[in-house]
Amino acid sequence: MNKNLEKIRHSLSHLMAMAVLEKFPKAKLGIGPTIENGFYYDFGNIKLTDADLPTIEKRIRELIKQDLKFKKETLSPAEAKKIFKDQPYKLELVRELQKSKKPISVYKTINQLTNNQFTDLCAGPHVKSTKEINPDAFKLAKIAGAYWKGDEKNPMLTRIYGVAFETKKELDDYLKLQEEIEKRDHRKLGEKLDLF
């Protein structure tokens, strides 16, 4: 994956977390990494359906257009614990970083106009500003359940997947390809042709 695209996708996962927190202030934040064609973010303590995705997607586009800046900071464990005091999953990650003596870094997404900021535990990388993200080159794809840290003994979280590219054409091509794959799905074809 090219480095710029990775930064875009990673930054979009933070913007999605910001948008979800605005809509669901009691949401608990899990993690939000990049994946093959996009990104995801895990949330606890929220009830979402696919019907919520267009609203969240619209809000992310608004945030992109605000030219928000991403700023990295390294924190002491005590500072990190204070920032994430109401976020149990983040606190667990902070404690793990502290135990392994790894640096604890956060990225702050700052809105210069309102002075509002969103802080997320993260090693990066990110774009310097949201103006580096094409607001028409991403789409929130689906919602799924995911266990915290992939362990079934842990709580089930709500995962929102997004796909993202550098251009709208790349996104459109990807979505068209997915549609074609869906049409050729042997399970659906089998039912249509009355094979099963």
N, C-alpha and C. Protein backbone atom coordinates (compact mmCIF):
# COMPACT_ATOMS: atom_id res chain seq x y z
N MET A 1 0.85 -1.18 0.00
CA MET A 1 0.00 0.00 0.00
C MET A 1 0.90 1.24 0.00
N ASN A 2 0.55 2.23 -0.85
CA ASN A 2 1.41 3.41 -0.84
C ASN A 2 1.22 4.20 0.46
N LYS A 3 2.29 4.83 0.89
CA LYS A 3 2.33 5.51 2.20
C LYS A 3 1.26 6.59 2.31
N ASN A 4 1.04 7.35 1.22
CA ASN A 4 0.06 8.42 1.26
C ASN A 4 -1.35 7.86 1.48
N LEU A 5 -1.65 6.78 0.78
CA LEU A 5 -2.97 6.16 0.92
C LEU A 5 -3.16 5.61 2.33
N GLU A 6 -2.11 5.05 2.90
CA GLU A 6 -2.20 4.56 4.27
C GLU A 6 -2.51 5.70 5.23
N LYS A 7 -1.86 6.84 5.03
CA LYS A 7 -2.12 8.02 5.89
C LYS A 7 -3.57 8.49 5.74
N ILE A 8 -4.06 8.50 4.50
CA ILE A 8 -5.45 8.93 4.24
C ILE A 8 -6.42 7.99 4.97
N ARG A 9 -6.22 6.70 4.79
CA ARG A 9 -7.12 5.72 5.41
C ARG A 9 -7.08 5.79 6.93
N HIS A 10 -5.88 5.93 7.46
CA HIS A 10 -5.73 6.02 8.91
C HIS A 10 -6.41 7.29 9.45
N SER A 11 -6.25 8.37 8.73
CA SER A 11 -6.86 9.63 9.15
C SER A 11 -8.38 9.55 9.07
N LEU A 12 -8.89 8.86 8.05
CA LEU A 12 -10.35 8.68 7.94
C LEU A 12 -10.90 7.88 9.11
N SER A 13 -10.14 6.92 9.62
CA SER A 13 -10.65 6.16 10.77
C SER A 13 -10.81 7.08 11.98
N HIS A 14 -9.89 8.04 12.15
CA HIS A 14 -10.02 9.01 13.25
C HIS A 14 -11.23 9.92 13.03
N LEU A 15 -11.41 10.36 11.78
CA LEU A 15 -12.55 11.24 11.48
C LEU A 15 -13.86 10.49 11.73
N MET A 16 -13.87 9.19 11.41
CA MET A 16 -15.07 8.39 11.67
C MET A 16 -15.33 8.32 13.17
N ALA A 17 -14.28 8.11 13.97
CA ALA A 17 -14.45 8.07 15.42
C ALA A 17 -15.00 9.41 15.94
N MET A 18 -14.49 10.51 15.38
CA MET A 18 -15.00 11.84 15.78
C MET A 18 -16.49 11.95 15.48
N ALA A 19 -16.87 11.55 14.26
CA ALA A 19 -18.28 11.65 13.83
C ALA A 19 -19.18 10.76 14.68
N VAL A 20 -18.71 9.56 14.99
CA VAL A 20 -19.51 8.65 15.81
C VAL A 20 -19.66 9.20 17.23
N LEU A 21 -18.58 9.74 17.80
CA LEU A 21 -18.67 10.31 19.16
C LEU A 21 -19.63 11.50 19.22
N GLU A 22 -19.68 12.28 18.14
CA GLU A 22 -20.64 13.40 18.12
C GLU A 22 -22.07 12.87 18.19
N LYS A 23 -22.33 11.81 17.47
CA LYS A 23 -23.68 11.23 17.40
C LYS A 23 -23.99 10.37 18.62
N PHE A 24 -22.97 9.68 19.13
CA PHE A 24 -23.13 8.79 20.29
C PHE A 24 -22.06 9.12 21.32
N PRO A 25 -22.26 10.18 22.13
CA PRO A 25 -21.22 10.65 23.06
C PRO A 25 -20.77 9.61 24.08
N LYS A 26 -21.59 8.60 24.35
CA LYS A 26 -21.22 7.58 25.36
C LYS A 26 -20.47 6.40 24.73
N ALA A 27 -20.20 6.46 23.43
CA ALA A 27 -19.50 5.36 22.75
C ALA A 27 -18.13 5.14 23.38
N LYS A 28 -17.71 3.89 23.42
CA LYS A 28 -16.38 3.54 23.92
C LYS A 28 -15.51 3.18 22.71
N LEU A 29 -14.35 3.81 22.62
CA LEU A 29 -13.48 3.64 21.46
C LEU A 29 -12.57 2.43 21.58
N GLY A 30 -12.57 1.61 20.53
CA GLY A 30 -11.64 0.48 20.45
C GLY A 30 -10.43 0.92 19.65
N ILE A 31 -10.20 0.23 18.52
CA ILE A 31 -9.07 0.60 17.66
C ILE A 31 -9.57 0.91 16.26
N GLY A 32 -8.73 1.61 15.48
CA GLY A 32 -9.12 2.00 14.13
C GLY A 32 -7.98 1.92 13.14
N PRO A 33 -7.56 0.72 12.77
CA PRO A 33 -6.43 0.60 11.84
C PRO A 33 -6.82 0.66 10.37
N THR A 34 -5.79 0.68 9.51
CA THR A 34 -6.02 0.56 8.08
C THR A 34 -6.03 -0.92 7.72
N ILE A 35 -6.76 -1.24 6.66
CA ILE A 35 -6.80 -2.62 6.15
C ILE A 35 -6.64 -2.54 4.63
N GLU A 36 -6.73 -3.68 3.97
CA GLU A 36 -6.37 -3.75 2.54
C GLU A 36 -6.97 -2.65 1.67
N ASN A 37 -8.27 -2.44 1.70
CA ASN A 37 -8.87 -1.43 0.82
C ASN A 37 -9.43 -0.23 1.58
N GLY A 38 -9.12 -0.14 2.86
CA GLY A 38 -9.70 0.97 3.62
C GLY A 38 -9.30 0.98 5.08
N PHE A 39 -10.31 0.96 5.94
CA PHE A 39 -10.08 1.13 7.37
C PHE A 39 -11.30 0.62 8.12
N TYR A 40 -11.15 0.49 9.43
CA TYR A 40 -12.32 0.24 10.27
C TYR A 40 -12.09 0.88 11.62
N TYR A 41 -13.14 0.94 12.41
CA TYR A 41 -13.01 1.39 13.80
C TYR A 41 -14.00 0.58 14.61
N ASP A 42 -13.57 0.15 15.80
CA ASP A 42 -14.43 -0.62 16.71
C ASP A 42 -14.97 0.28 17.81
N PHE A 43 -16.26 0.12 18.09
CA PHE A 43 -16.92 0.94 19.11
C PHE A 43 -17.69 0.04 20.06
N GLY A 44 -17.62 0.38 21.34
CA GLY A 44 -18.43 -0.30 22.34
C GLY A 44 -19.54 0.65 22.78
N ASN A 45 -20.58 0.06 23.38
CA ASN A 45 -21.64 0.85 23.98
C ASN A 45 -22.45 1.67 22.98
N ILE A 46 -22.61 1.16 21.75
CA ILE A 46 -23.49 1.85 20.79
C ILE A 46 -24.32 0.82 20.02
N LYS A 47 -25.48 1.25 19.60
CA LYS A 47 -26.35 0.44 18.75
C LYS A 47 -26.43 1.17 17.42
N LEU A 48 -25.87 0.55 16.40
CA LEU A 48 -25.85 1.15 15.06
C LEU A 48 -26.50 0.21 14.07
N THR A 49 -27.07 0.79 13.02
CA THR A 49 -27.54 -0.03 11.89
C THR A 49 -26.95 0.58 10.63
N ASP A 50 -27.10 -0.14 9.53
CA ASP A 50 -26.62 0.38 8.24
C ASP A 50 -27.28 1.72 7.91
N ALA A 51 -28.46 1.95 8.46
CA ALA A 51 -29.18 3.22 8.20
C ALA A 51 -28.43 4.42 8.79
N ASP A 52 -27.55 4.18 9.78
CA ASP A 52 -26.78 5.27 10.39
C ASP A 52 -25.57 5.67 9.53
N LEU A 53 -25.14 4.79 8.65
CA LEU A 53 -23.89 5.03 7.90
C LEU A 53 -23.92 6.30 7.03
N PRO A 54 -25.02 6.56 6.27
CA PRO A 54 -25.01 7.79 5.45
C PRO A 54 -24.84 9.07 6.28
N THR A 55 -25.44 9.11 7.47
CA THR A 55 -25.32 10.29 8.35
C THR A 55 -23.88 10.46 8.82
N ILE A 56 -23.27 9.36 9.22
CA ILE A 56 -21.88 9.40 9.69
C ILE A 56 -20.95 9.78 8.54
N GLU A 57 -21.20 9.19 7.37
CA GLU A 57 -20.39 9.48 6.17
C GLU A 57 -20.49 10.97 5.80
N LYS A 58 -21.69 11.51 5.87
CA LYS A 58 -21.91 12.94 5.55
C LYS A 58 -21.12 13.81 6.53
N ARG A 59 -21.14 13.44 7.81
CA ARG A 59 -20.42 14.21 8.82
C ARG A 59 -18.91 14.15 8.57
N ILE A 60 -18.40 12.99 8.18
CA ILE A 60 -16.97 12.86 7.88
C ILE A 60 -16.60 13.81 6.74
N ARG A 61 -17.45 13.88 5.71
CA ARG A 61 -17.18 14.79 4.58
C ARG A 61 -17.13 16.25 5.05
N GLU A 62 -18.04 16.60 5.96
CA GLU A 62 -18.03 17.97 6.52
C GLU A 62 -16.73 18.23 7.27
N LEU A 63 -16.29 17.23 8.06
CA LEU A 63 -15.05 17.38 8.82
C LEU A 63 -13.84 17.53 7.88
N ILE A 64 -13.83 16.75 6.80
CA ILE A 64 -12.73 16.83 5.82
C ILE A 64 -12.62 18.26 5.28
N LYS A 65 -13.77 18.84 4.96
CA LYS A 65 -13.79 20.19 4.35
C LYS A 65 -13.38 21.29 5.33
N GLN A 66 -13.28 20.96 6.62
CA GLN A 66 -12.89 21.97 7.62
C GLN A 66 -11.38 22.15 7.74
N ASP A 67 -10.62 21.44 6.93
CA ASP A 67 -9.16 21.55 6.96
C ASP A 67 -8.61 21.36 8.38
N LEU A 68 -8.99 20.24 8.99
CA LEU A 68 -8.54 19.92 10.35
C LEU A 68 -7.08 19.46 10.30
N LYS A 69 -6.33 19.80 11.32
CA LYS A 69 -4.91 19.43 11.40
C LYS A 69 -4.74 18.21 12.30
N PHE A 70 -3.78 17.34 11.95
CA PHE A 70 -3.42 16.20 12.78
C PHE A 70 -2.07 16.49 13.42
N LYS A 71 -2.01 16.38 14.74
CA LYS A 71 -0.79 16.71 15.45
C LYS A 71 -0.42 15.57 16.41
N LYS A 72 0.82 15.09 16.29
CA LYS A 72 1.28 13.99 17.14
C LYS A 72 1.89 14.52 18.43
N GLU A 73 1.60 13.84 19.53
CA GLU A 73 2.21 14.18 20.82
C GLU A 73 2.56 12.89 21.55
N THR A 74 3.66 12.92 22.29
CA THR A 74 4.04 11.78 23.13
C THR A 74 3.67 12.13 24.57
N LEU A 75 3.04 11.18 25.25
CA LEU A 75 2.55 11.45 26.60
C LEU A 75 3.17 10.50 27.62
N SER A 76 3.13 10.93 28.87
CA SER A 76 3.50 10.01 29.96
C SER A 76 2.29 9.12 30.21
N PRO A 77 2.50 7.95 30.82
CA PRO A 77 1.35 7.09 31.13
C PRO A 77 0.27 7.83 31.95
N ALA A 78 0.70 8.64 32.90
CA ALA A 78 -0.28 9.36 33.73
C ALA A 78 -1.12 10.32 32.90
N GLU A 79 -0.47 11.04 31.96
CA GLU A 79 -1.22 11.97 31.09
C GLU A 79 -2.22 11.21 30.22
N ALA A 80 -1.76 10.08 29.66
CA ALA A 80 -2.62 9.28 28.79
C ALA A 80 -3.82 8.73 29.57
N LYS A 81 -3.57 8.27 30.80
CA LYS A 81 -4.66 7.72 31.62
C LYS A 81 -5.70 8.80 31.94
N LYS A 82 -5.22 10.01 32.12
CA LYS A 82 -6.13 11.11 32.43
C LYS A 82 -7.02 11.42 31.20
N ILE A 83 -6.39 11.49 30.02
CA ILE A 83 -7.14 11.79 28.79
C ILE A 83 -8.18 10.71 28.50
N PHE A 84 -7.82 9.44 28.72
CA PHE A 84 -8.71 8.33 28.35
C PHE A 84 -9.44 7.72 29.55
N LYS A 85 -9.60 8.52 30.61
CA LYS A 85 -10.20 8.00 31.85
C LYS A 85 -11.59 7.38 31.64
N ASP A 86 -12.33 7.87 30.63
CA ASP A 86 -13.68 7.34 30.38
C ASP A 86 -13.70 6.35 29.22
N GLN A 87 -12.54 5.93 28.77
CA GLN A 87 -12.43 5.02 27.63
C GLN A 87 -11.71 3.73 28.05
N PRO A 88 -12.45 2.71 28.54
CA PRO A 88 -11.81 1.51 29.10
C PRO A 88 -10.88 0.77 28.13
N TYR A 89 -11.24 0.72 26.84
CA TYR A 89 -10.39 -0.02 25.89
C TYR A 89 -9.08 0.73 25.66
N LYS A 90 -9.16 2.05 25.60
CA LYS A 90 -7.94 2.85 25.45
C LYS A 90 -7.06 2.73 26.69
N LEU A 91 -7.69 2.73 27.87
CA LEU A 91 -6.93 2.59 29.12
C LEU A 91 -6.18 1.26 29.15
N GLU A 92 -6.84 0.21 28.68
CA GLU A 92 -6.19 -1.11 28.63
C GLU A 92 -4.96 -1.05 27.72
N LEU A 93 -5.08 -0.38 26.58
CA LEU A 93 -3.95 -0.25 25.66
C LEU A 93 -2.82 0.60 26.26
N VAL A 94 -3.20 1.65 26.98
CA VAL A 94 -2.21 2.51 27.64
C VAL A 94 -1.41 1.68 28.65
N ARG A 95 -2.12 0.87 29.45
CA ARG A 95 -1.45 0.03 30.45
C ARG A 95 -0.50 -0.97 29.78
N GLU A 96 -0.92 -1.53 28.64
CA GLU A 96 -0.04 -2.47 27.91
C GLU A 96 1.21 -1.76 27.39
N LEU A 97 1.04 -0.55 26.85
CA LEU A 97 2.19 0.22 26.36
C LEU A 97 3.13 0.55 27.52
N GLN A 98 2.53 0.92 28.66
CA GLN A 98 3.32 1.25 29.85
C GLN A 98 4.13 0.04 30.30
N LYS A 99 3.48 -1.12 30.35
CA LYS A 99 4.13 -2.35 30.79
C LYS A 99 5.28 -2.73 29.86
N SER A 100 5.08 -2.55 28.55
CA SER A 100 6.11 -2.93 27.58
C SER A 100 7.14 -1.80 27.37
N LYS A 101 6.97 -0.73 28.11
CA LYS A 101 7.89 0.43 28.06
C LYS A 101 7.93 1.09 26.66
N LYS A 102 6.86 0.91 25.90
CA LYS A 102 6.79 1.53 24.57
C LYS A 102 6.29 2.96 24.73
N PRO A 103 6.70 3.86 23.81
CA PRO A 103 6.21 5.24 23.90
C PRO A 103 4.70 5.31 23.70
N ILE A 104 4.07 6.21 24.41
CA ILE A 104 2.63 6.41 24.30
C ILE A 104 2.40 7.68 23.50
N SER A 105 1.89 7.48 22.27
CA SER A 105 1.65 8.66 21.45
C SER A 105 0.17 8.79 21.11
N VAL A 106 -0.24 10.03 20.97
CA VAL A 106 -1.61 10.34 20.57
C VAL A 106 -1.55 11.26 19.36
N TYR A 107 -2.65 11.24 18.62
CA TYR A 107 -2.82 12.23 17.55
C TYR A 107 -4.02 13.07 17.93
N LYS A 108 -3.81 14.37 17.87
CA LYS A 108 -4.91 15.30 18.13
C LYS A 108 -5.38 15.84 16.79
N THR A 109 -6.69 15.81 16.60
CA THR A 109 -7.28 16.39 15.41
C THR A 109 -7.93 17.68 15.87
N ILE A 110 -7.41 18.80 15.36
CA ILE A 110 -7.80 20.11 15.90
C ILE A 110 -8.57 20.92 14.88
N ASN A 111 -9.71 21.45 15.33
CA ASN A 111 -10.50 22.36 14.51
C ASN A 111 -10.13 23.78 14.93
N GLN A 112 -9.39 24.48 14.05
CA GLN A 112 -8.92 25.83 14.37
C GLN A 112 -10.08 26.80 14.64
N LEU A 113 -11.19 26.62 13.93
CA LEU A 113 -12.32 27.55 14.08
C LEU A 113 -12.99 27.43 15.43
N THR A 114 -13.32 26.20 15.83
CA THR A 114 -14.06 26.01 17.08
C THR A 114 -13.15 25.70 18.26
N ASN A 115 -11.90 25.39 17.95
CA ASN A 115 -10.92 24.97 18.96
C ASN A 115 -11.27 23.62 19.58
N ASN A 116 -12.25 22.93 18.97
CA ASN A 116 -12.58 21.57 19.42
C ASN A 116 -11.46 20.64 18.99
N GLN A 117 -11.23 19.61 19.79
CA GLN A 117 -10.23 18.65 19.35
C GLN A 117 -10.63 17.25 19.76
N PHE A 118 -10.16 16.30 18.96
CA PHE A 118 -10.37 14.88 19.21
C PHE A 118 -8.99 14.28 19.40
N THR A 119 -8.82 13.51 20.47
CA THR A 119 -7.52 12.90 20.75
C THR A 119 -7.67 11.39 20.71
N ASP A 120 -6.78 10.73 19.98
CA ASP A 120 -6.83 9.28 19.91
C ASP A 120 -5.45 8.70 20.15
N LEU A 121 -5.42 7.60 20.88
CA LEU A 121 -4.19 6.86 21.14
C LEU A 121 -3.75 6.26 19.81
N CYS A 122 -2.55 6.59 19.35
CA CYS A 122 -2.19 6.18 18.00
C CYS A 122 -0.72 6.40 17.71
N ALA A 123 -0.12 5.48 16.96
CA ALA A 123 1.28 5.63 16.55
C ALA A 123 1.39 6.32 15.18
N GLY A 124 0.25 6.45 14.47
CA GLY A 124 0.26 7.10 13.16
C GLY A 124 0.59 6.09 12.08
N PRO A 125 0.90 6.56 10.89
CA PRO A 125 1.02 7.96 10.45
C PRO A 125 -0.34 8.54 10.00
N HIS A 126 -0.36 9.86 9.90
CA HIS A 126 -1.57 10.57 9.45
C HIS A 126 -1.20 11.66 8.46
N VAL A 127 -2.24 12.15 7.76
CA VAL A 127 -2.03 13.32 6.90
C VAL A 127 -1.79 14.51 7.83
N LYS A 128 -1.18 15.57 7.30
CA LYS A 128 -0.99 16.78 8.12
C LYS A 128 -2.31 17.51 8.30
N SER A 129 -3.13 17.48 7.25
CA SER A 129 -4.41 18.19 7.27
C SER A 129 -5.44 17.42 6.46
N THR A 130 -6.71 17.59 6.82
CA THR A 130 -7.77 16.88 6.09
C THR A 130 -7.90 17.35 4.65
N LYS A 131 -7.29 18.49 4.29
CA LYS A 131 -7.39 18.92 2.89
C LYS A 131 -6.62 17.97 1.96
N GLU A 132 -5.83 17.05 2.53
CA GLU A 132 -5.13 16.04 1.73
C GLU A 132 -6.03 14.85 1.41
N ILE A 133 -7.25 14.84 1.95
CA ILE A 133 -8.19 13.73 1.73
C ILE A 133 -9.27 14.16 0.75
N ASN A 134 -9.49 13.34 -0.28
CA ASN A 134 -10.56 13.62 -1.24
C ASN A 134 -11.88 13.18 -0.59
N PRO A 135 -12.81 14.13 -0.35
CA PRO A 135 -14.06 13.76 0.34
C PRO A 135 -14.97 12.85 -0.50
N ASP A 136 -14.69 12.72 -1.79
CA ASP A 136 -15.51 11.86 -2.66
C ASP A 136 -14.85 10.51 -2.93
N ALA A 137 -13.74 10.22 -2.27
CA ALA A 137 -13.00 8.99 -2.57
C ALA A 137 -13.06 7.96 -1.44
N PHE A 138 -14.09 8.08 -0.56
CA PHE A 138 -14.26 7.07 0.48
C PHE A 138 -15.75 6.76 0.64
N LYS A 139 -16.02 5.62 1.23
CA LYS A 139 -17.41 5.23 1.50
C LYS A 139 -17.42 4.31 2.72
N LEU A 140 -18.39 4.52 3.60
CA LEU A 140 -18.56 3.58 4.71
C LEU A 140 -19.30 2.37 4.15
N ALA A 141 -18.72 1.20 4.34
CA ALA A 141 -19.19 0.01 3.63
C ALA A 141 -20.21 -0.83 4.40
N LYS A 142 -19.88 -1.13 5.66
CA LYS A 142 -20.77 -2.03 6.40
C LYS A 142 -20.45 -2.00 7.89
N ILE A 143 -21.38 -2.61 8.63
CA ILE A 143 -21.23 -2.75 10.08
C ILE A 143 -21.12 -4.24 10.38
N ALA A 144 -20.26 -4.59 11.30
CA ALA A 144 -20.11 -5.99 11.72
C ALA A 144 -19.84 -6.02 13.21
N GLY A 145 -19.95 -7.20 13.78
CA GLY A 145 -19.58 -7.38 15.18
C GLY A 145 -18.13 -7.87 15.23
N ALA A 146 -17.41 -7.46 16.25
CA ALA A 146 -16.02 -7.92 16.40
C ALA A 146 -15.70 -7.96 17.89
N TYR A 147 -15.08 -9.07 18.31
CA TYR A 147 -14.67 -9.14 19.71
C TYR A 147 -13.47 -8.24 19.93
N TRP A 148 -13.44 -7.58 21.09
CA TRP A 148 -12.29 -6.76 21.46
C TRP A 148 -11.04 -7.62 21.39
N LYS A 149 -10.06 -7.17 20.64
CA LYS A 149 -8.79 -7.86 20.43
C LYS A 149 -8.96 -9.25 19.80
N GLY A 150 -10.09 -9.48 19.13
CA GLY A 150 -10.31 -10.74 18.43
C GLY A 150 -10.49 -11.95 19.34
N ASP A 151 -10.76 -11.70 20.62
CA ASP A 151 -10.89 -12.80 21.59
C ASP A 151 -12.35 -12.93 22.02
N GLU A 152 -12.92 -14.11 21.79
CA GLU A 152 -14.35 -14.31 22.10
C GLU A 152 -14.68 -14.19 23.59
N LYS A 153 -13.65 -14.20 24.44
CA LYS A 153 -13.91 -14.01 25.88
C LYS A 153 -14.12 -12.52 26.19
N ASN A 154 -13.75 -11.67 25.25
CA ASN A 154 -13.87 -10.22 25.43
C ASN A 154 -15.22 -9.72 24.92
N PRO A 155 -15.58 -8.49 25.28
CA PRO A 155 -16.87 -7.94 24.82
C PRO A 155 -16.95 -7.83 23.29
N MET A 156 -18.18 -7.95 22.80
CA MET A 156 -18.45 -7.78 21.37
C MET A 156 -18.59 -6.28 21.10
N LEU A 157 -17.85 -5.79 20.13
CA LEU A 157 -17.90 -4.38 19.76
C LEU A 157 -18.57 -4.24 18.39
N THR A 158 -18.94 -3.02 18.05
CA THR A 158 -19.51 -2.73 16.75
C THR A 158 -18.40 -2.18 15.87
N ARG A 159 -18.18 -2.83 14.74
CA ARG A 159 -17.11 -2.41 13.83
C ARG A 159 -17.72 -1.78 12.58
N ILE A 160 -17.25 -0.59 12.25
CA ILE A 160 -17.67 0.05 11.01
C ILE A 160 -16.50 -0.02 10.03
N TYR A 161 -16.77 -0.58 8.86
CA TYR A 161 -15.76 -0.68 7.81
C TYR A 161 -15.96 0.45 6.81
N GLY A 162 -14.85 1.00 6.33
CA GLY A 162 -14.90 1.97 5.25
C GLY A 162 -13.89 1.60 4.18
N VAL A 163 -14.16 1.99 2.94
CA VAL A 163 -13.18 1.82 1.87
C VAL A 163 -12.73 3.22 1.47
N ALA A 164 -11.47 3.35 1.07
CA ALA A 164 -10.95 4.67 0.73
C ALA A 164 -9.83 4.58 -0.29
N PHE A 165 -9.82 5.56 -1.17
CA PHE A 165 -8.81 5.64 -2.22
C PHE A 165 -8.39 7.09 -2.38
N GLU A 166 -7.45 7.34 -3.28
CA GLU A 166 -7.00 8.72 -3.48
C GLU A 166 -7.93 9.50 -4.41
N THR A 167 -8.61 8.77 -5.33
CA THR A 167 -9.50 9.47 -6.28
C THR A 167 -10.88 8.84 -6.27
N LYS A 168 -11.86 9.60 -6.73
CA LYS A 168 -13.23 9.11 -6.84
C LYS A 168 -13.29 7.97 -7.86
N LYS A 169 -12.51 8.07 -8.94
CA LYS A 169 -12.51 7.04 -9.97
C LYS A 169 -12.06 5.69 -9.39
N GLU A 170 -11.00 5.71 -8.57
CA GLU A 170 -10.53 4.47 -7.95
C GLU A 170 -11.61 3.86 -7.06
N LEU A 171 -12.32 4.72 -6.32
CA LEU A 171 -13.42 4.25 -5.46
C LEU A 171 -14.52 3.65 -6.33
N ASP A 172 -14.93 4.38 -7.37
CA ASP A 172 -16.00 3.90 -8.25
C ASP A 172 -15.64 2.56 -8.89
N ASP A 173 -14.38 2.45 -9.36
CA ASP A 173 -13.92 1.20 -9.98
C ASP A 173 -13.98 0.05 -8.97
N TYR A 174 -13.56 0.33 -7.74
CA TYR A 174 -13.57 -0.69 -6.70
C TYR A 174 -15.01 -1.13 -6.40
N LEU A 175 -15.93 -0.16 -6.25
CA LEU A 175 -17.32 -0.48 -5.93
C LEU A 175 -17.97 -1.28 -7.06
N LYS A 176 -17.64 -0.91 -8.31
CA LYS A 176 -18.18 -1.62 -9.47
C LYS A 176 -17.69 -3.07 -9.47
N LEU A 177 -16.41 -3.25 -9.17
CA LEU A 177 -15.83 -4.60 -9.11
C LEU A 177 -16.52 -5.43 -8.03
N GLN A 178 -16.77 -4.83 -6.87
CA GLN A 178 -17.44 -5.54 -5.78
C GLN A 178 -18.84 -5.97 -6.20
N GLU A 179 -19.51 -5.10 -6.94
CA GLU A 179 -20.85 -5.39 -7.44
C GLU A 179 -20.82 -6.61 -8.37
N GLU A 180 -19.82 -6.63 -9.26
CA GLU A 180 -19.66 -7.75 -10.20
C GLU A 180 -19.37 -9.04 -9.44
N ILE A 181 -18.52 -8.98 -8.44
CA ILE A 181 -18.19 -10.15 -7.64
C ILE A 181 -19.45 -10.68 -6.96
N GLU A 182 -20.24 -9.75 -6.41
CA GLU A 182 -21.49 -10.09 -5.75
C GLU A 182 -22.44 -10.82 -6.72
N LYS A 183 -22.54 -10.30 -7.94
CA LYS A 183 -23.43 -10.91 -8.96
C LYS A 183 -23.00 -12.32 -9.30
N ARG A 184 -21.70 -12.57 -9.25
CA ARG A 184 -21.18 -13.88 -9.64
C ARG A 184 -21.03 -14.84 -8.46
N ASP A 185 -21.49 -14.40 -7.28
CA ASP A 185 -21.41 -15.24 -6.09
C ASP A 185 -22.12 -16.57 -6.37
N HIS A 186 -21.39 -17.67 -6.23
CA HIS A 186 -21.97 -18.98 -6.58
C HIS A 186 -23.20 -19.34 -5.75
N ARG A 187 -23.29 -18.83 -4.53
CA ARG A 187 -24.47 -19.13 -3.71
C ARG A 187 -25.71 -18.47 -4.29
N LYS A 188 -25.54 -17.20 -4.73
CA LYS A 188 -26.69 -16.49 -5.31
C LYS A 188 -27.05 -17.07 -6.67
N LEU A 189 -26.03 -17.36 -7.49
CA LEU A 189 -26.28 -17.95 -8.80
C LEU A 189 -26.98 -19.29 -8.66
N GLY A 190 -26.53 -20.09 -7.70
CA GLY A 190 -27.12 -21.41 -7.47
C GLY A 190 -28.59 -21.33 -7.16
N GLU A 191 -28.96 -20.34 -6.32
CA GLU A 191 -30.39 -20.15 -5.99
C GLU A 191 -31.17 -19.70 -7.21
N LYS A 192 -30.60 -18.73 -7.95
CA LYS A 192 -31.27 -18.20 -9.15
C LYS A 192 -31.50 -19.31 -10.18
N LEU A 193 -30.50 -20.15 -10.35
CA LEU A 193 -30.61 -21.22 -11.35
C LEU A 193 -31.24 -22.48 -10.77
N ASP A 194 -31.72 -22.35 -9.52
CA ASP A 194 -32.41 -23.46 -8.85
C ASP A 194 -31.53 -24.69 -8.72
N LEU A 195 -30.25 -24.48 -8.44
CA LEU A 195 -29.32 -25.60 -8.30
C LEU A 195 -29.34 -26.16 -6.87
N PHE A 196 -29.73 -25.32 -5.90
CA PHE A 196 -29.72 -25.79 -4.50
C PHE A 196 -31.15 -26.11 -4.06
